[in-house]
């Protein structure tokens, strides 16, 4: 298999003739706002919504039940593929590849988007595996990839961008927000300048922990927009602290024209803001939300009936809790922590585990709390709490992190030397 940038024979028809033909049908013409007051949306309901609120337990049939409505709603993209398929295979007994193909058959006007981080997520593996996965996703019907590097390092972004372009996917690069002494506006301006040198379709300011505030956005977003070289920026801010909807409005005021949202009951809580709430408030501010609200509400009604039938929780607006700014655990991980601790009869350890997460993260040099680093911090924190003595037992990932395999020199230099020893 050739390396990234070296096209295999079959990639030629993807990235040239065939890929151009696909782009004609993905609705790209509707992706560009016609006026400065138009605001558009990316839907996260069948990806981030059920990850954050239903512990990634949405089955394919549930997604197909709302697929037609999602397509009619006129979103810029629909996220549908999570980077870690084991949940679907092991617990739900479903084929994640067939899921994409079935969704693509129903959703024909709106681009489907995948999440592209490490693969496998929690193991050190050759890039070949992610290359193979990405090619299979493109063949199954994915048209966009939202790319992450857990350290916001340009080396991690660049080869994934090249890979996406090689197989005909539009790369959307996550600039991941974190709150720590080193994650300043100057830090993000520098990373934005690095992104400006890459061939990206969009930049996404990603706030997985819901840590952004309107006040921080007023200095952060101008720093990013001034350095990203004119590349469109979208906002992905969770509602974990209750501020997601306000962040969406503030981002629009500052010039962002694409907001990531969800459809109730898979909105709010630890998930993304409700498209209905954001659209309502944007109209009051004089903006024009561009989506088919009737179709979105039809999807919401179907989802509510599914939720009631399955006995699943409904996302509700979260009360503000300053503790989130200490542990910074992302919404998708919280529901899984609760789910997994419940399975072993230790759900009462959730609060203590979150508090320990804050302490471990500081000792590790303030890694961004995003997959897979958030899970590494959270796992070690849980071990510390359950065992009752800090670092008496450590995970394999903790050892590899201390050796620099997850983050290189940046991880080594940032880690508390005593903990590292």
Protein backbone atom coordinates (compact mmCIF):
# COMPACT_ATOMS: atom_id res chain seq x y z
CA UNK A 1 0.00 0.00 0.00
CA UNK A 2 1.50 3.39 -0.95
CA UNK A 3 2.03 6.12 1.60
CA UNK A 4 -0.13 9.22 1.84
CA UNK A 5 0.48 11.41 -1.15
CA UNK A 6 1.28 8.40 -3.36
CA UNK A 7 -1.90 7.45 -5.13
CA UNK A 8 -2.78 3.82 -5.63
CA UNK A 9 -4.18 3.09 -9.08
CA UNK A 10 -7.82 3.13 -8.00
CA UNK A 11 -7.55 6.55 -6.31
CA UNK A 12 -7.30 8.29 -9.67
CA UNK A 13 -10.96 7.88 -10.50
CA UNK A 14 -11.94 8.85 -6.93
CA UNK A 15 -10.08 12.11 -6.76
CA UNK A 16 -10.63 13.21 -10.35
CA UNK A 17 -13.61 12.21 -12.47
CA UNK A 18 -15.72 10.24 -10.02
CA UNK A 19 -15.13 12.56 -7.07
CA UNK A 20 -16.14 15.57 -9.16
CA UNK A 21 -19.34 13.79 -10.09
CA UNK A 22 -20.09 13.08 -6.44
CA UNK A 23 -19.59 16.71 -5.49
CA UNK A 24 -22.29 17.80 -7.91
CA UNK A 25 -24.80 15.74 -5.94
CA UNK A 26 -23.71 16.57 -2.41
CA UNK A 27 -25.36 19.98 -2.22
CA UNK A 28 -22.15 22.01 -2.19
CA UNK A 29 -23.88 24.96 -3.86
CA UNK A 30 -26.14 25.35 -0.84
CA UNK A 31 -23.17 25.31 1.52
CA UNK A 32 -22.11 28.85 0.77
CA UNK A 33 -24.26 31.55 2.43
CA UNK A 34 -25.85 33.96 -0.02
CA UNK A 35 -25.91 36.88 2.40
CA UNK A 36 -23.93 37.83 5.47
CA UNK A 37 -27.04 37.30 7.64
CA UNK A 38 -27.59 33.66 6.67
CA UNK A 39 -26.53 31.01 9.20
CA UNK A 40 -26.38 27.31 8.39
CA UNK A 41 -26.10 24.16 10.45
CA UNK A 42 -24.30 20.83 10.64
CA UNK A 43 -26.40 18.12 12.30
CA UNK A 44 -24.82 15.88 14.96
CA UNK A 45 -27.94 14.04 16.14
CA UNK A 46 -27.07 10.53 14.95
CA UNK A 47 -23.42 10.80 15.95
CA UNK A 48 -22.57 13.10 18.85
CA UNK A 49 -26.15 13.24 20.12
CA UNK A 50 -26.50 9.60 21.03
CA UNK A 51 -22.81 9.34 21.98
CA UNK A 52 -23.29 11.99 24.66
CA UNK A 53 -26.79 11.10 25.85
CA UNK A 54 -27.39 7.42 25.04
CA UNK A 55 -23.86 6.01 25.53
CA UNK A 56 -23.57 5.44 21.76
CA UNK A 57 -26.52 3.03 21.82
CA UNK A 58 -28.54 4.30 18.85
CA UNK A 59 -29.26 1.44 16.48
CA UNK A 60 -29.32 1.64 12.71
CA UNK A 61 -33.09 1.28 12.57
CA UNK A 62 -33.51 4.35 14.76
CA UNK A 63 -31.30 6.35 12.41
CA UNK A 64 -33.13 5.16 9.32
CA UNK A 65 -36.44 6.18 10.90
CA UNK A 66 -35.39 9.85 10.69
CA UNK A 67 -33.03 9.71 7.70
CA UNK A 68 -35.51 11.15 5.17
CA UNK A 69 -36.40 14.01 7.51
CA UNK A 70 -32.73 14.80 8.16
CA UNK A 71 -32.05 14.94 4.44
CA UNK A 72 -35.00 17.28 3.82
CA UNK A 73 -33.93 19.57 6.64
CA UNK A 74 -31.21 21.09 4.49
CA UNK A 75 -28.22 20.77 6.80
CA UNK A 76 -24.75 21.47 5.41
CA UNK A 77 -23.67 18.01 6.56
CA UNK A 78 -24.88 15.15 8.75
CA UNK A 79 -22.40 13.46 11.06
CA UNK A 80 -22.99 9.71 11.17
CA UNK A 81 -19.78 7.79 11.83
CA UNK A 82 -17.83 7.58 15.07
CA UNK A 83 -14.18 6.55 14.97
CA UNK A 84 -14.64 3.59 17.32
CA UNK A 85 -17.03 0.93 15.88
CA UNK A 86 -16.64 -1.67 18.63
CA UNK A 87 -19.80 -0.53 20.43
CA UNK A 88 -21.94 -1.18 17.36
CA UNK A 89 -20.35 -4.58 16.74
CA UNK A 90 -19.93 -5.96 20.26
CA UNK A 91 -22.99 -4.63 22.06
CA UNK A 92 -25.51 -3.79 19.34
CA UNK A 93 -24.52 -6.68 17.04
CA UNK A 94 -24.66 -4.39 14.02
CA UNK A 95 -22.47 -3.79 10.98
CA UNK A 96 -21.28 -0.15 11.00
CA UNK A 97 -20.40 -0.33 7.30
CA UNK A 98 -23.89 -1.46 6.37
CA UNK A 99 -25.19 1.42 8.50
CA UNK A 100 -23.36 3.93 6.29
CA UNK A 101 -24.61 2.29 3.10
CA UNK A 102 -28.22 2.26 4.30
CA UNK A 103 -28.03 5.89 5.41
CA UNK A 104 -26.44 6.92 2.11
CA UNK A 105 -29.33 5.28 0.25
CA UNK A 106 -31.80 7.46 2.20
CA UNK A 107 -29.74 10.62 2.54
CA UNK A 108 -28.91 11.64 -1.01
CA UNK A 109 -28.82 15.46 -0.95
CA UNK A 110 -26.78 16.09 2.21
CA UNK A 111 -23.10 15.11 2.66
CA UNK A 112 -22.45 12.48 5.31
CA UNK A 113 -19.55 13.29 7.61
CA UNK A 114 -17.25 11.00 9.56
CA UNK A 115 -14.99 11.72 12.54
CA UNK A 116 -11.34 11.08 11.77
CA UNK A 117 -8.95 10.75 14.67
CA UNK A 118 -6.70 7.85 15.53
CA UNK A 119 -7.67 4.35 14.43
CA UNK A 120 -7.75 2.28 16.49
CA UNK A 121 -8.41 5.04 18.99
CA UNK A 122 -6.71 3.65 22.07
CA UNK A 123 -3.83 1.68 20.57
CA UNK A 124 -0.61 2.58 18.81
CA UNK A 125 -1.09 1.44 15.23
CA UNK A 126 0.42 2.05 11.79
CA UNK A 127 -1.19 4.80 9.68
CA UNK A 128 -2.11 2.13 7.14
CA UNK A 129 -5.15 1.17 9.24
CA UNK A 130 -6.58 4.69 9.17
CA UNK A 131 -5.86 4.93 5.43
CA UNK A 132 -7.76 1.71 4.79
CA UNK A 133 -10.67 2.77 6.97
CA UNK A 134 -10.91 6.15 5.25
CA UNK A 135 -10.96 4.59 1.80
CA UNK A 136 -13.71 2.22 2.90
CA UNK A 137 -15.75 5.10 4.31
CA UNK A 138 -15.45 6.99 1.03
CA UNK A 139 -16.54 3.89 -0.89
CA UNK A 140 -19.53 3.46 1.45
CA UNK A 141 -20.80 7.01 0.91
CA UNK A 142 -19.02 9.37 3.34
CA UNK A 143 -18.20 12.74 1.75
CA UNK A 144 -16.61 14.78 4.56
CA UNK A 145 -14.21 14.01 7.41
CA UNK A 146 -13.82 16.08 10.57
CA UNK A 147 -10.14 15.59 11.42
CA UNK A 148 -8.60 15.71 14.88
CA UNK A 149 -5.13 15.64 16.31
CA UNK A 150 -5.35 15.38 20.08
CA UNK A 151 -2.41 17.77 20.52
CA UNK A 152 -3.46 20.24 17.77
CA UNK A 153 -0.17 19.43 16.02
CA UNK A 154 0.20 20.30 12.35
CA UNK A 155 2.06 17.03 11.68
CA UNK A 156 -1.02 15.12 12.79
CA UNK A 157 -3.36 17.25 10.65
CA UNK A 158 -1.30 17.37 7.47
CA UNK A 159 -1.14 13.71 6.51
CA UNK A 160 -4.84 13.21 7.29
CA UNK A 161 -5.74 16.16 5.07
CA UNK A 162 -3.71 14.64 2.24
CA UNK A 163 -5.38 11.29 2.79
CA UNK A 164 -8.86 12.83 2.64
CA UNK A 165 -8.07 14.68 -0.58
CA UNK A 166 -6.64 11.52 -2.12
CA UNK A 167 -9.89 9.56 -1.64
CA UNK A 168 -12.27 12.42 -2.45
CA UNK A 169 -13.32 13.57 1.03
CA UNK A 170 -13.54 17.21 2.06
CA UNK A 171 -11.33 17.67 5.15
CA UNK A 172 -12.72 19.72 8.06
CA UNK A 173 -9.94 20.18 10.64
CA UNK A 174 -10.73 20.46 14.33
CA UNK A 175 -8.95 23.19 16.25
CA UNK A 176 -9.65 21.76 19.69
CA UNK A 177 -10.32 24.18 22.53
CA UNK A 178 -8.96 23.55 25.99
CA UNK A 179 -8.64 25.61 29.14
CA UNK A 180 -5.21 25.58 30.76
CA UNK A 181 -2.25 27.91 31.40
CA UNK A 182 -0.77 27.02 28.00
CA UNK A 183 -3.92 27.19 25.84
CA UNK A 184 -3.94 30.96 25.31
CA UNK A 185 -5.26 33.07 22.43
CA UNK A 186 -1.69 33.29 21.16
CA UNK A 187 -1.48 29.48 21.13
CA UNK A 188 -4.63 29.27 18.97
CA UNK A 189 -3.49 32.06 16.66
CA UNK A 190 -0.29 30.11 16.00
CA UNK A 191 -2.22 26.89 15.30
CA UNK A 192 -4.58 28.81 12.98
CA UNK A 193 -1.59 30.07 10.98
CA UNK A 194 -0.41 26.48 10.61
CA UNK A 195 -3.86 25.42 9.41
CA UNK A 196 -3.84 28.21 6.82
CA UNK A 197 -0.99 26.39 5.06
CA UNK A 198 -3.02 23.21 4.59
CA UNK A 199 -5.55 22.36 1.88
CA UNK A 200 -8.58 22.24 4.18
CA UNK A 201 -12.26 22.65 3.34
CA UNK A 202 -13.24 24.05 6.73
CA UNK A 203 -11.83 24.70 10.20
CA UNK A 204 -13.97 23.65 13.15
CA UNK A 205 -13.45 25.28 16.53
CA UNK A 206 -14.20 22.19 18.60
CA UNK A 207 -15.18 22.54 22.25
CA UNK A 208 -15.70 18.92 23.40
CA UNK A 209 -15.94 19.77 27.10
CA UNK A 210 -18.34 22.70 26.70
CA UNK A 211 -15.70 24.96 28.25
CA UNK A 212 -16.05 28.00 26.01
CA UNK A 213 -17.78 31.11 27.26
CA UNK A 214 -19.06 34.09 25.27
CA UNK A 215 -16.41 36.24 26.97
CA UNK A 216 -13.57 33.95 25.88
CA UNK A 217 -14.95 33.76 22.34
CA UNK A 218 -14.71 37.55 22.01
CA UNK A 219 -10.92 37.35 22.10
CA UNK A 220 -10.37 33.79 20.84
CA UNK A 221 -12.42 33.83 17.64
CA UNK A 222 -10.95 37.08 16.26
CA UNK A 223 -7.47 35.63 16.85
CA UNK A 224 -8.39 32.50 14.89
CA UNK A 225 -10.27 34.25 12.08
CA UNK A 226 -7.42 36.72 11.56
CA UNK A 227 -4.89 33.93 11.07
CA UNK A 228 -6.73 31.13 9.29
CA UNK A 229 -6.28 32.62 5.84
CA UNK A 230 -9.95 33.08 4.94
CA UNK A 231 -10.90 29.42 5.44
CA UNK A 232 -14.51 29.18 6.69
CA UNK A 233 -14.79 28.38 10.41
CA UNK A 234 -17.62 26.49 12.07
CA UNK A 235 -18.36 26.10 15.80
CA UNK A 236 -18.83 22.81 17.65
CA UNK A 237 -19.52 23.66 21.31
CA UNK A 238 -21.16 21.20 23.70
CA UNK A 239 -23.77 22.18 26.28
CA UNK A 240 -22.08 20.55 29.26
CA UNK A 241 -21.86 23.79 31.23
CA UNK A 242 -25.13 25.14 29.82
CA UNK A 243 -23.35 27.73 27.66
CA UNK A 244 -23.45 25.98 24.28
CA UNK A 245 -26.46 27.94 22.93
CA UNK A 246 -24.97 31.27 24.07
CA UNK A 247 -21.63 30.38 22.50
CA UNK A 248 -23.41 29.68 19.22
CA UNK A 249 -25.01 33.13 19.21
CA UNK A 250 -21.76 34.86 20.15
CA UNK A 251 -19.86 33.01 17.42
CA UNK A 252 -22.35 34.18 14.81
CA UNK A 253 -22.01 37.79 16.01
CA UNK A 254 -18.24 37.43 15.57
CA UNK A 255 -18.50 36.15 12.00
CA UNK A 256 -19.02 32.36 12.10
CA UNK A 257 -21.76 31.22 9.71
CA UNK A 258 -21.96 27.49 10.42
CA UNK A 259 -23.01 26.07 13.79
CA UNK A 260 -23.04 22.42 14.85
CA UNK A 261 -26.38 21.50 16.43
CA UNK A 262 -28.57 18.57 17.43
CA UNK A 263 -32.25 17.73 17.26
CA UNK A 264 -34.14 17.08 20.53
CA UNK A 265 -34.28 14.76 22.39
CA UNK A 266 -30.64 14.26 21.31
CA UNK A 267 -29.61 17.84 22.01
CA UNK A 268 -28.64 19.78 25.15
CA UNK A 269 -27.33 17.99 28.23
CA UNK A 270 -23.77 16.98 27.33
CA UNK A 271 -24.60 17.07 23.60
CA UNK A 272 -24.87 19.99 21.15
CA UNK A 273 -27.37 22.89 21.27
CA UNK A 274 -30.88 22.39 19.93
CA UNK A 275 -31.24 23.65 16.38
CA UNK A 276 -34.67 25.04 17.28
CA UNK A 277 -33.38 27.12 20.19
CA UNK A 278 -30.39 28.46 18.27
CA UNK A 279 -32.51 29.29 15.21
CA UNK A 280 -35.16 31.05 17.31
CA UNK A 281 -32.64 33.29 19.01
CA UNK A 282 -30.77 34.01 15.78
CA UNK A 283 -33.99 35.26 14.23
CA UNK A 284 -34.49 37.59 17.20
CA UNK A 285 -31.01 38.96 16.53
CA UNK A 286 -31.82 39.64 12.88
CA UNK A 287 -30.12 36.62 11.32
CA UNK A 288 -31.63 34.14 8.86
CA UNK A 289 -31.25 30.48 9.87
CA UNK A 290 -31.22 28.35 6.72
CA UNK A 291 -32.89 24.97 7.28
CA UNK A 292 -36.29 23.30 6.89
CA UNK A 293 -37.75 23.49 10.38
CA UNK A 294 -40.79 21.37 9.48
CA UNK A 295 -38.57 18.47 8.45
CA UNK A 296 -36.38 18.86 11.54
CA UNK A 297 -39.43 18.84 13.82
CA UNK A 298 -40.72 15.69 12.14
CA UNK A 299 -37.39 14.04 12.97
CA UNK A 300 -37.66 15.30 16.54
CA UNK A 301 -41.14 13.83 16.98
CA UNK A 302 -40.01 10.44 15.69
CA UNK A 303 -36.98 10.48 17.97
CA UNK A 304 -39.15 11.33 20.97
CA UNK A 305 -41.38 8.31 20.30
CA UNK A 306 -38.29 6.12 19.98
CA UNK A 307 -36.88 7.53 23.22
CA UNK A 308 -40.06 6.82 25.14
CA UNK A 309 -40.38 3.31 23.74
CA UNK A 310 -36.75 2.44 24.61
CA UNK A 311 -36.74 4.19 28.00
CA UNK A 312 -33.79 6.38 27.03
CA UNK A 313 -32.97 9.79 28.57
CA UNK A 314 -33.85 13.12 27.03
CA UNK A 315 -31.25 15.85 26.79
CA UNK A 316 -32.20 18.81 28.95
CA UNK A 317 -30.43 22.16 29.38
CA UNK A 318 -27.65 21.76 31.92
CA UNK A 319 -27.24 23.91 35.00
CA UNK A 320 -23.94 25.75 35.17
CA UNK A 321 -21.33 23.88 37.22
CA UNK A 322 -17.86 25.34 37.63
CA UNK A 323 -16.46 21.88 38.35
CA UNK A 324 -16.44 21.18 34.61
CA UNK A 325 -13.63 23.69 34.25
CA UNK A 326 -11.52 21.59 36.60
CA UNK A 327 -11.86 18.09 35.18
CA UNK A 328 -12.87 19.12 31.59
CA UNK A 329 -14.16 15.64 30.76
CA UNK A 330 -16.00 15.78 27.41
CA UNK A 331 -19.71 15.04 27.22
CA UNK A 332 -19.40 11.84 25.20
CA UNK A 333 -17.07 10.36 27.79
CA UNK A 334 -19.26 11.23 30.79
CA UNK A 335 -22.20 9.10 29.70
CA UNK A 336 -19.83 6.20 29.05
CA UNK A 337 -18.11 6.59 32.46
CA UNK A 338 -21.50 6.35 34.14
CA UNK A 339 -22.55 3.46 31.92
CA UNK A 340 -19.38 1.45 32.50
CA UNK A 341 -19.20 2.08 36.25
CA UNK A 342 -22.86 1.11 36.51
CA UNK A 343 -22.11 -2.21 34.82
CA UNK A 344 -19.61 -3.09 37.56
CA UNK A 345 -21.69 -1.71 40.44
CA UNK A 346 -19.51 1.37 41.07
CA UNK A 347 -21.68 4.23 39.84
CA UNK A 348 -21.19 5.98 43.20
CA UNK A 349 -17.54 6.58 42.19
CA UNK A 350 -18.40 8.93 39.31
CA UNK A 351 -17.95 12.21 41.24
CA UNK A 352 -14.68 11.08 42.82
CA UNK A 353 -13.40 9.95 39.43
CA UNK A 354 -14.15 13.32 37.84
CA UNK A 355 -12.36 15.14 40.66
CA UNK A 356 -9.35 12.87 40.27
CA UNK A 357 -9.37 13.56 36.51
CA UNK A 358 -8.53 17.20 37.23
CA UNK A 359 -5.56 16.24 39.37
CA UNK A 360 -4.21 13.66 36.91
CA UNK A 361 -4.54 16.06 33.97
CA UNK A 362 -2.48 18.73 35.73
CA UNK A 363 0.20 16.18 36.60
CA UNK A 364 0.32 15.06 32.96
CA UNK A 365 1.03 18.58 31.69
CA UNK A 366 -2.48 19.74 30.69
CA UNK A 367 -3.25 17.42 27.74
CA UNK A 368 -6.38 18.42 25.83
CA UNK A 369 -9.31 16.43 27.17
CA UNK A 370 -10.29 14.84 23.89
CA UNK A 371 -10.14 11.28 22.56
CA UNK A 372 -7.93 9.37 23.26
CA UNK A 373 -6.13 11.50 25.87
CA UNK A 374 -9.32 12.15 27.86
CA UNK A 375 -9.93 8.42 28.15
CA UNK A 376 -6.34 7.81 29.26
CA UNK A 377 -6.63 10.46 31.96
CA UNK A 378 -10.07 9.21 32.98
CA UNK A 379 -9.00 5.55 33.15
CA UNK A 380 -5.99 6.33 35.34
CA UNK A 381 -8.14 8.56 37.54
CA UNK A 382 -10.68 5.76 37.96
CA UNK A 383 -7.91 3.29 38.86
CA UNK A 384 -6.54 5.73 41.44
CA UNK A 385 -9.98 6.10 43.03
CA UNK A 386 -10.95 2.42 42.99
CA UNK A 387 -7.58 1.14 44.26
CA UNK A 388 -7.45 3.84 46.93
CA UNK A 389 -3.78 4.72 46.39
CA UNK A 390 -2.70 7.05 43.60
CA UNK A 391 -0.60 5.41 40.87
CA UNK A 392 -0.14 2.20 42.83
CA UNK A 393 -1.49 0.58 39.67
CA UNK A 394 -1.15 2.20 36.26
CA UNK A 395 -2.57 1.45 32.85
CA UNK A 396 -0.47 0.53 29.84
CA UNK A 397 -1.54 3.81 28.23
CA UNK A 398 -0.21 5.77 31.22
CA UNK A 399 3.20 4.13 30.79
CA UNK A 400 3.23 4.79 27.04
CA UNK A 401 2.20 8.41 27.65
CA UNK A 402 5.09 8.87 30.08
CA UNK A 403 7.45 7.40 27.47
CA UNK A 404 6.27 9.94 24.88
CA UNK A 405 4.40 7.59 22.58
CA UNK A 406 1.22 9.69 22.93
CA UNK A 407 2.34 13.24 22.22
CA UNK A 408 6.09 12.99 21.89
CA UNK A 409 8.31 15.57 23.52
CA UNK A 410 5.38 17.85 24.36
CA UNK A 411 3.94 15.14 26.63
CA UNK A 412 7.30 14.29 28.19
CA UNK A 413 8.27 17.88 28.98
CA UNK A 414 4.86 18.74 30.40
CA UNK A 415 4.51 15.80 32.76
CA UNK A 416 5.28 16.14 36.46
CA UNK A 417 8.74 14.51 36.79
CA UNK A 418 7.84 12.62 39.96
CA UNK A 419 4.70 11.16 38.41
CA UNK A 420 6.65 10.33 35.27
CA UNK A 421 9.33 8.52 37.26
